[in-house]
Amino acid sequence: MPDDQSQYKQLAMQWKRATPYLAAARRYDIEHQDTVGAITSLSELCKLSIKRTPLTRTSGFVEMYRILSRSNG
């Protein structure tokens, strides 16, 4: 971290000069994103998570009550 005011000013100017380049890189990344691939990957991850999660016969309320009663007793 900068120690004095002049170092803070230098750092601020450096970020100010970098701003247009960072914005251009961000725009490029957004425009060239593989949206279909990302959605497909997330969908597969969700399916895998559902397969690995055991089904319960209780509602979330019952589970929460069980957990809270353990922590208070």
N, C-alpha and C. Protein backbone atom coordinates (compact mmCIF):
# COMPACT_ATOMS: atom_id res chain seq x y z
N MET A 1 0.84 -1.19 0.00
CA MET A 1 0.00 0.00 0.00
C MET A 1 0.88 1.25 0.00
N PRO A 2 0.43 2.28 -0.67
CA PRO A 2 1.20 3.53 -0.69
C PRO A 2 1.32 4.13 0.71
N ASP A 3 2.46 4.80 0.92
CA ASP A 3 2.73 5.38 2.24
C ASP A 3 2.33 6.85 2.34
N ASP A 4 2.41 7.58 1.23
CA ASP A 4 2.10 9.01 1.32
C ASP A 4 1.14 9.43 0.22
N GLN A 5 0.76 10.69 0.26
CA GLN A 5 -0.25 11.23 -0.65
C GLN A 5 0.17 11.14 -2.11
N SER A 6 1.45 11.39 -2.39
CA SER A 6 1.89 11.35 -3.79
C SER A 6 1.80 9.94 -4.37
N GLN A 7 2.05 8.95 -3.55
CA GLN A 7 1.92 7.57 -4.02
C GLN A 7 0.46 7.22 -4.30
N TYR A 8 -0.45 7.73 -3.46
CA TYR A 8 -1.87 7.51 -3.70
C TYR A 8 -2.29 8.17 -5.02
N LYS A 9 -1.77 9.36 -5.26
CA LYS A 9 -2.11 10.08 -6.49
C LYS A 9 -1.58 9.33 -7.71
N GLN A 10 -0.36 8.81 -7.61
CA GLN A 10 0.21 8.02 -8.71
C GLN A 10 -0.62 6.78 -8.99
N LEU A 11 -1.02 6.12 -7.93
CA LEU A 11 -1.82 4.91 -8.08
C LEU A 11 -3.17 5.24 -8.73
N ALA A 12 -3.80 6.33 -8.31
CA ALA A 12 -5.07 6.74 -8.88
C ALA A 12 -4.92 7.08 -10.36
N MET A 13 -3.85 7.74 -10.73
CA MET A 13 -3.61 8.08 -12.13
C MET A 13 -3.34 6.82 -12.96
N GLN A 14 -2.66 5.87 -12.38
CA GLN A 14 -2.39 4.62 -13.08
C GLN A 14 -3.70 3.89 -13.39
N TRP A 15 -4.61 3.82 -12.41
CA TRP A 15 -5.91 3.19 -12.64
C TRP A 15 -6.73 3.98 -13.65
N LYS A 16 -6.63 5.30 -13.61
CA LYS A 16 -7.36 6.14 -14.56
C LYS A 16 -6.89 5.86 -15.99
N ARG A 17 -5.57 5.70 -16.17
CA ARG A 17 -5.03 5.40 -17.51
C ARG A 17 -5.44 4.00 -17.95
N ALA A 18 -5.56 3.09 -17.02
CA ALA A 18 -5.89 1.70 -17.36
C ALA A 18 -7.37 1.49 -17.63
N THR A 19 -8.22 2.38 -17.18
CA THR A 19 -9.67 2.21 -17.27
C THR A 19 -10.16 1.90 -18.69
N PRO A 20 -9.77 2.66 -19.72
CA PRO A 20 -10.29 2.34 -21.06
C PRO A 20 -9.84 0.96 -21.55
N TYR A 21 -8.63 0.56 -21.22
CA TYR A 21 -8.13 -0.75 -21.64
C TYR A 21 -8.88 -1.88 -20.91
N LEU A 22 -9.13 -1.67 -19.63
CA LEU A 22 -9.89 -2.67 -18.87
C LEU A 22 -11.33 -2.78 -19.38
N ALA A 23 -11.93 -1.64 -19.73
CA ALA A 23 -13.29 -1.64 -20.27
C ALA A 23 -13.33 -2.36 -21.62
N ALA A 24 -12.33 -2.12 -22.44
CA ALA A 24 -12.27 -2.79 -23.75
C ALA A 24 -12.11 -4.30 -23.58
N ALA A 25 -11.28 -4.71 -22.65
CA ALA A 25 -11.09 -6.15 -22.39
C ALA A 25 -12.38 -6.77 -21.88
N ARG A 26 -13.09 -6.05 -21.04
CA ARG A 26 -14.37 -6.55 -20.51
C ARG A 26 -15.39 -6.71 -21.64
N ARG A 27 -15.48 -5.69 -22.50
CA ARG A 27 -16.41 -5.76 -23.64
C ARG A 27 -16.07 -6.94 -24.55
N TYR A 28 -14.79 -7.13 -24.82
CA TYR A 28 -14.36 -8.24 -25.67
C TYR A 28 -14.76 -9.57 -25.06
N ASP A 29 -14.50 -9.72 -23.76
CA ASP A 29 -14.85 -10.97 -23.08
C ASP A 29 -16.35 -11.24 -23.14
N ILE A 30 -17.16 -10.20 -22.94
CA ILE A 30 -18.61 -10.37 -22.98
C ILE A 30 -19.07 -10.73 -24.39
N GLU A 31 -18.54 -10.04 -25.39
CA GLU A 31 -18.95 -10.29 -26.77
C GLU A 31 -18.53 -11.66 -27.28
N HIS A 32 -17.45 -12.20 -26.77
CA HIS A 32 -16.94 -13.48 -27.26
C HIS A 32 -17.20 -14.64 -26.30
N GLN A 33 -18.13 -14.43 -25.41
CA GLN A 33 -18.48 -15.46 -24.43
C GLN A 33 -19.27 -16.58 -25.11
N ASP A 34 -19.00 -17.81 -24.76
CA ASP A 34 -19.74 -18.96 -25.28
C ASP A 34 -20.94 -19.19 -24.36
N THR A 35 -22.00 -18.44 -24.59
CA THR A 35 -23.17 -18.49 -23.72
C THR A 35 -23.82 -19.86 -23.71
N VAL A 36 -23.96 -20.45 -24.88
CA VAL A 36 -24.59 -21.78 -24.96
C VAL A 36 -23.75 -22.80 -24.19
N GLY A 37 -22.45 -22.74 -24.36
CA GLY A 37 -21.58 -23.67 -23.64
C GLY A 37 -21.65 -23.48 -22.13
N ALA A 38 -21.71 -22.22 -21.69
CA ALA A 38 -21.78 -21.94 -20.26
C ALA A 38 -23.10 -22.45 -19.67
N ILE A 39 -24.20 -22.22 -20.39
CA ILE A 39 -25.50 -22.69 -19.90
C ILE A 39 -25.55 -24.21 -19.88
N THR A 40 -25.00 -24.84 -20.90
CA THR A 40 -24.96 -26.30 -20.94
C THR A 40 -24.16 -26.86 -19.77
N SER A 41 -23.01 -26.24 -19.49
CA SER A 41 -22.18 -26.70 -18.37
C SER A 41 -22.91 -26.55 -17.05
N LEU A 42 -23.57 -25.43 -16.85
CA LEU A 42 -24.32 -25.22 -15.61
C LEU A 42 -25.47 -26.21 -15.50
N SER A 43 -26.13 -26.48 -16.61
CA SER A 43 -27.23 -27.43 -16.60
C SER A 43 -26.74 -28.83 -16.21
N GLU A 44 -25.62 -29.24 -16.77
CA GLU A 44 -25.06 -30.55 -16.43
C GLU A 44 -24.65 -30.60 -14.96
N LEU A 45 -24.09 -29.51 -14.46
CA LEU A 45 -23.70 -29.45 -13.05
C LEU A 45 -24.92 -29.58 -12.15
N CYS A 46 -26.01 -28.92 -12.52
CA CYS A 46 -27.24 -29.01 -11.73
C CYS A 46 -27.79 -30.43 -11.74
N LYS A 47 -27.78 -31.06 -12.91
CA LYS A 47 -28.26 -32.45 -13.01
C LYS A 47 -27.44 -33.38 -12.13
N LEU A 48 -26.11 -33.19 -12.16
CA LEU A 48 -25.23 -34.02 -11.34
C LEU A 48 -25.50 -33.80 -9.86
N SER A 49 -25.71 -32.56 -9.48
CA SER A 49 -26.00 -32.24 -8.08
C SER A 49 -27.29 -32.89 -7.62
N ILE A 50 -28.30 -32.85 -8.49
CA ILE A 50 -29.58 -33.48 -8.15
C ILE A 50 -29.43 -34.98 -7.99
N LYS A 51 -28.64 -35.61 -8.87
CA LYS A 51 -28.43 -37.05 -8.79
C LYS A 51 -27.72 -37.44 -7.50
N ARG A 52 -26.79 -36.61 -7.05
CA ARG A 52 -25.98 -36.95 -5.87
C ARG A 52 -26.65 -36.60 -4.56
N THR A 53 -27.69 -35.79 -4.60
CA THR A 53 -28.37 -35.38 -3.38
C THR A 53 -29.47 -36.37 -3.04
N PRO A 54 -29.39 -36.99 -1.88
CA PRO A 54 -30.43 -37.96 -1.53
C PRO A 54 -31.77 -37.26 -1.29
N LEU A 55 -32.83 -37.92 -1.71
CA LEU A 55 -34.16 -37.38 -1.48
C LEU A 55 -34.54 -37.60 -0.03
N THR A 56 -35.22 -36.62 0.53
CA THR A 56 -35.69 -36.75 1.92
C THR A 56 -37.21 -36.75 1.91
N ARG A 57 -37.78 -37.36 2.91
CA ARG A 57 -39.24 -37.41 3.02
C ARG A 57 -39.77 -36.28 3.89
N THR A 58 -38.89 -35.47 4.43
CA THR A 58 -39.33 -34.37 5.28
C THR A 58 -39.22 -33.06 4.51
N SER A 59 -39.96 -32.08 4.98
CA SER A 59 -39.89 -30.76 4.35
C SER A 59 -38.67 -30.01 4.89
N GLY A 60 -38.32 -28.94 4.27
CA GLY A 60 -37.22 -28.12 4.75
C GLY A 60 -37.48 -27.57 6.14
N PHE A 61 -38.76 -27.33 6.45
CA PHE A 61 -39.12 -26.82 7.77
C PHE A 61 -38.76 -27.83 8.85
N VAL A 62 -39.04 -29.08 8.61
CA VAL A 62 -38.74 -30.13 9.59
C VAL A 62 -37.23 -30.23 9.80
N GLU A 63 -36.48 -30.18 8.70
CA GLU A 63 -35.01 -30.23 8.80
C GLU A 63 -34.49 -29.04 9.59
N MET A 64 -35.01 -27.85 9.31
CA MET A 64 -34.56 -26.65 10.02
C MET A 64 -34.89 -26.76 11.50
N TYR A 65 -36.07 -27.22 11.83
CA TYR A 65 -36.47 -27.38 13.21
C TYR A 65 -35.53 -28.34 13.93
N ARG A 66 -35.19 -29.43 13.27
CA ARG A 66 -34.29 -30.43 13.86
C ARG A 66 -32.92 -29.80 14.16
N ILE A 67 -32.39 -29.05 13.22
CA ILE A 67 -31.08 -28.42 13.39
C ILE A 67 -31.11 -27.37 14.49
N LEU A 68 -32.14 -26.55 14.48
CA LEU A 68 -32.25 -25.48 15.49
C LEU A 68 -32.48 -26.04 16.88
N SER A 69 -33.23 -27.13 17.00
CA SER A 69 -33.46 -27.69 18.32
C SER A 69 -32.19 -28.29 18.90
N ARG A 70 -31.30 -28.79 18.03
CA ARG A 70 -30.00 -29.30 18.50
C ARG A 70 -29.11 -28.18 19.01
N SER A 71 -29.13 -27.04 18.32
CA SER A 71 -28.23 -25.96 18.69
C SER A 71 -28.71 -25.23 19.95
N ASN A 72 -30.00 -25.30 20.26
CA ASN A 72 -30.53 -24.62 21.45
C ASN A 72 -30.56 -25.53 22.67
N GLY A 73 -30.36 -26.78 22.52
CA GLY A 73 -30.53 -27.69 23.64
C GLY A 73 -29.24 -28.25 24.03
